């Protein structure tokens, strides 16, 4: 089953999964977007849903 939020490239349909985990590696937030969406835009959509924290680390990998 395909998600309604997908993008299209020369290779076909693609999507991107943005995730936020706590310090123990447990998933807090997950966002599915089209593959062409910027990681910065994905982060901006999730930032308000983050719990209060003393530190925030990011990785684009």
C-alpha atoms as a PDB file:
ATOM      1  CA  UNK A   1       0.000   0.000   0.000  1.00  0.00           C
ATOM      2  CA  UNK A   2       1.400   3.427  -0.935  1.00  0.00           C
ATOM      3  CA  UNK A   3       1.130   6.416   1.349  1.00  0.00           C
ATOM      4  CA  UNK A   4      -0.818   9.404  -0.006  1.00  0.00           C
ATOM      5  CA  UNK A   5       2.268  11.569   0.742  1.00  0.00           C
ATOM      6  CA  UNK A   6       4.828  10.553  -1.859  1.00  0.00           C
ATOM      7  CA  UNK A   7       7.019  12.273  -4.404  1.00  0.00           C
ATOM      8  CA  UNK A   8       8.065  11.328  -7.899  1.00  0.00           C
ATOM      9  CA  UNK A   9      11.534  11.078  -9.421  1.00  0.00           C
ATOM     10  CA  UNK A  10      12.965   9.548 -12.588  1.00  0.00           C
ATOM     11  CA  UNK A  11      13.161   6.271 -10.642  1.00  0.00           C
ATOM     12  CA  UNK A  12       9.517   6.362  -9.531  1.00  0.00           C
ATOM     13  CA  UNK A  13       7.632   7.229  -6.364  1.00  0.00           C
ATOM     14  CA  UNK A  14       9.661   8.026  -3.238  1.00  0.00           C
ATOM     15  CA  UNK A  15       8.992   9.151   0.318  1.00  0.00           C
ATOM     16  CA  UNK A  16      11.102  10.296   3.265  1.00  0.00           C
ATOM     17  CA  UNK A  17      10.770   9.349   6.924  1.00  0.00           C
ATOM     18  CA  UNK A  18      11.681  11.997   9.522  1.00  0.00           C
ATOM     19  CA  UNK A  19      12.055  10.673  13.090  1.00  0.00           C
ATOM     20  CA  UNK A  20      12.819  12.033  16.557  1.00  0.00           C
ATOM     21  CA  UNK A  21      14.111   9.729  19.291  1.00  0.00           C
ATOM     22  CA  UNK A  22      14.902  10.288  22.960  1.00  0.00           C
ATOM     23  CA  UNK A  23      18.321   9.734  24.547  1.00  0.00           C
ATOM     24  CA  UNK A  24      17.594   6.019  24.869  1.00  0.00           C
ATOM     25  CA  UNK A  25      16.786   5.634  21.159  1.00  0.00           C
ATOM     26  CA  UNK A  26      13.015   5.348  21.691  1.00  0.00           C
ATOM     27  CA  UNK A  27      10.831   6.873  18.986  1.00  0.00           C
ATOM     28  CA  UNK A  28       8.979  10.057  19.987  1.00  0.00           C
ATOM     29  CA  UNK A  29       7.780  11.538  16.669  1.00  0.00           C
ATOM     30  CA  UNK A  30       7.661  10.218  13.109  1.00  0.00           C
ATOM     31  CA  UNK A  31       6.717  12.146   9.960  1.00  0.00           C
ATOM     32  CA  UNK A  32       6.291  10.733   6.459  1.00  0.00           C
ATOM     33  CA  UNK A  33       6.797  13.231   3.614  1.00  0.00           C
ATOM     34  CA  UNK A  34       7.491  13.340  -0.102  1.00  0.00           C
ATOM     35  CA  UNK A  35      11.114  12.617  -0.967  1.00  0.00           C
ATOM     36  CA  UNK A  36      11.812  16.104  -2.305  1.00  0.00           C
ATOM     37  CA  UNK A  37      10.826  17.788   0.976  1.00  0.00           C
ATOM     38  CA  UNK A  38      13.730  19.531   2.726  1.00  0.00           C
ATOM     39  CA  UNK A  39      14.906  18.097   6.052  1.00  0.00           C
ATOM     40  CA  UNK A  40      14.610  21.630   7.439  1.00  0.00           C
ATOM     41  CA  UNK A  41      10.915  21.760   6.554  1.00  0.00           C
ATOM     42  CA  UNK A  42      10.383  18.339   8.147  1.00  0.00           C
ATOM     43  CA  UNK A  43      12.089  19.522  11.338  1.00  0.00           C
ATOM     44  CA  UNK A  44       9.983  22.699  11.392  1.00  0.00           C
ATOM     45  CA  UNK A  45       6.786  20.618  11.219  1.00  0.00           C
ATOM     46  CA  UNK A  46       7.857  18.473  14.182  1.00  0.00           C
ATOM     47  CA  UNK A  47       9.485  21.082  16.455  1.00  0.00           C
ATOM     48  CA  UNK A  48       6.283  22.154  18.230  1.00  0.00           C
ATOM     49  CA  UNK A  49       5.478  18.539  19.137  1.00  0.00           C
ATOM     50  CA  UNK A  50       8.820  17.986  20.898  1.00  0.00           C
ATOM     51  CA  UNK A  51       8.727  17.542  24.682  1.00  0.00           C
ATOM     52  CA  UNK A  52      10.697  19.991  26.853  1.00  0.00           C
ATOM     53  CA  UNK A  53      14.420  19.148  26.837  1.00  0.00           C
ATOM     54  CA  UNK A  54      17.748  20.552  27.973  1.00  0.00           C
ATOM     55  CA  UNK A  55      19.539  19.502  24.773  1.00  0.00           C
ATOM     56  CA  UNK A  56      18.632  18.870  21.155  1.00  0.00           C
ATOM     57  CA  UNK A  57      20.990  17.092  18.785  1.00  0.00           C
ATOM     58  CA  UNK A  58      20.490  16.697  15.066  1.00  0.00           C
ATOM     59  CA  UNK A  59      21.878  14.400  12.420  1.00  0.00           C
ATOM     60  CA  UNK A  60      21.222  14.228   8.722  1.00  0.00           C
ATOM     61  CA  UNK A  61      22.153  10.739   7.786  1.00  0.00           C
END
